[in-house]
Amino acid sequence: LSGLDPAQPYFQGTPIEVRLDKSDADFVDVIHTDSAPTIPYLGFGISPAIGHLDFYPNGGKQMPGCGKNPISQVVDLDGIWEGTRDFVACNHLRSYKYYSDSIIYPDGFLGYSCASYDVFETEGCFPCPKEGCPNMGHFADKFKGKIKNDFVKLYLNTGEAKDFPLWRYKVTVTLSGKRKVKGYVNVALYGSGGNTRQHQVIKGTLQPDNTYTSFIDAEVNIGAVTKVKFLWNNNQINPTFPKLGAATITVQSGENG
């Protein structure tokens, strides 16, 4: 059984006979996309973990792309009916859109087992363990025999619009140069499976010999890394033309470590 943002009003906190529960089937996976409290935030979805695998994309409360201004959302590419519906219940309806995308991307939507979304944003839950990470959506049941804990909470990030799946990489950069400057560093990843756009990995003070770590949620599964493009810029006009480079860049895939 797959729960697509099961309802919160009238169901959360009720006995298991009333609501969706892991005892309802051999395998129950749940996608939570609108689990903020109904009052005052109008969250329609249940927030506790209730299945064998519970996925909380983007933290499970506010989905990227749902904060668009009402006019652009109502006059949506998919038509006014779809846009109006998305304006009213965009977070809630993301669950079925992620699910339909998951059918097309069997390797997408990897969920990382984590205590919370805040911990997911650190290095605590990366990369996937040796038994792998389950895929949110249609292929979640590939993980059926590997569940050890009572409830497994899984976190991941998605795109703002379809195609929704993103693939997580850890990028570690050691800078080289003569002196520190203020600015930002972008990297683009190239691989056997495709190339990414530029992603910002550092912003602020850039100190030579320092090592910086950041996560990239890439829009393609790049496969085996073939090249990394390193670009930096300083925020203000600097008449001394400071030079900065990368002594080393390490890219680690979340999928296989």
Foldseek 3Di string as FASTA:
>chain_A
DEAQQWFDPPPAPDDCVRGPAQVPDLFYEYEAQACDDCPPPNRGGPPDFGTLEYECEVQRHHAAQLPDPLVDQCCDPVHNVRSVVCVVHVRSVVSVVQQVLCVVPVPFQFWFFDPGVVVVQDCNGFAAPPVWTAHPHDRNCVCSVPRDDPYTYTYYYFDNDPVTTWWKKKKKWAKAFDAKAFWWKWKKWAAPFGIFDTDTQDGTIDGHRDMGMGMDRTPTDRYGTDDMDMDIDGDDDDPVPGDMDTPDMDMGGSGRD
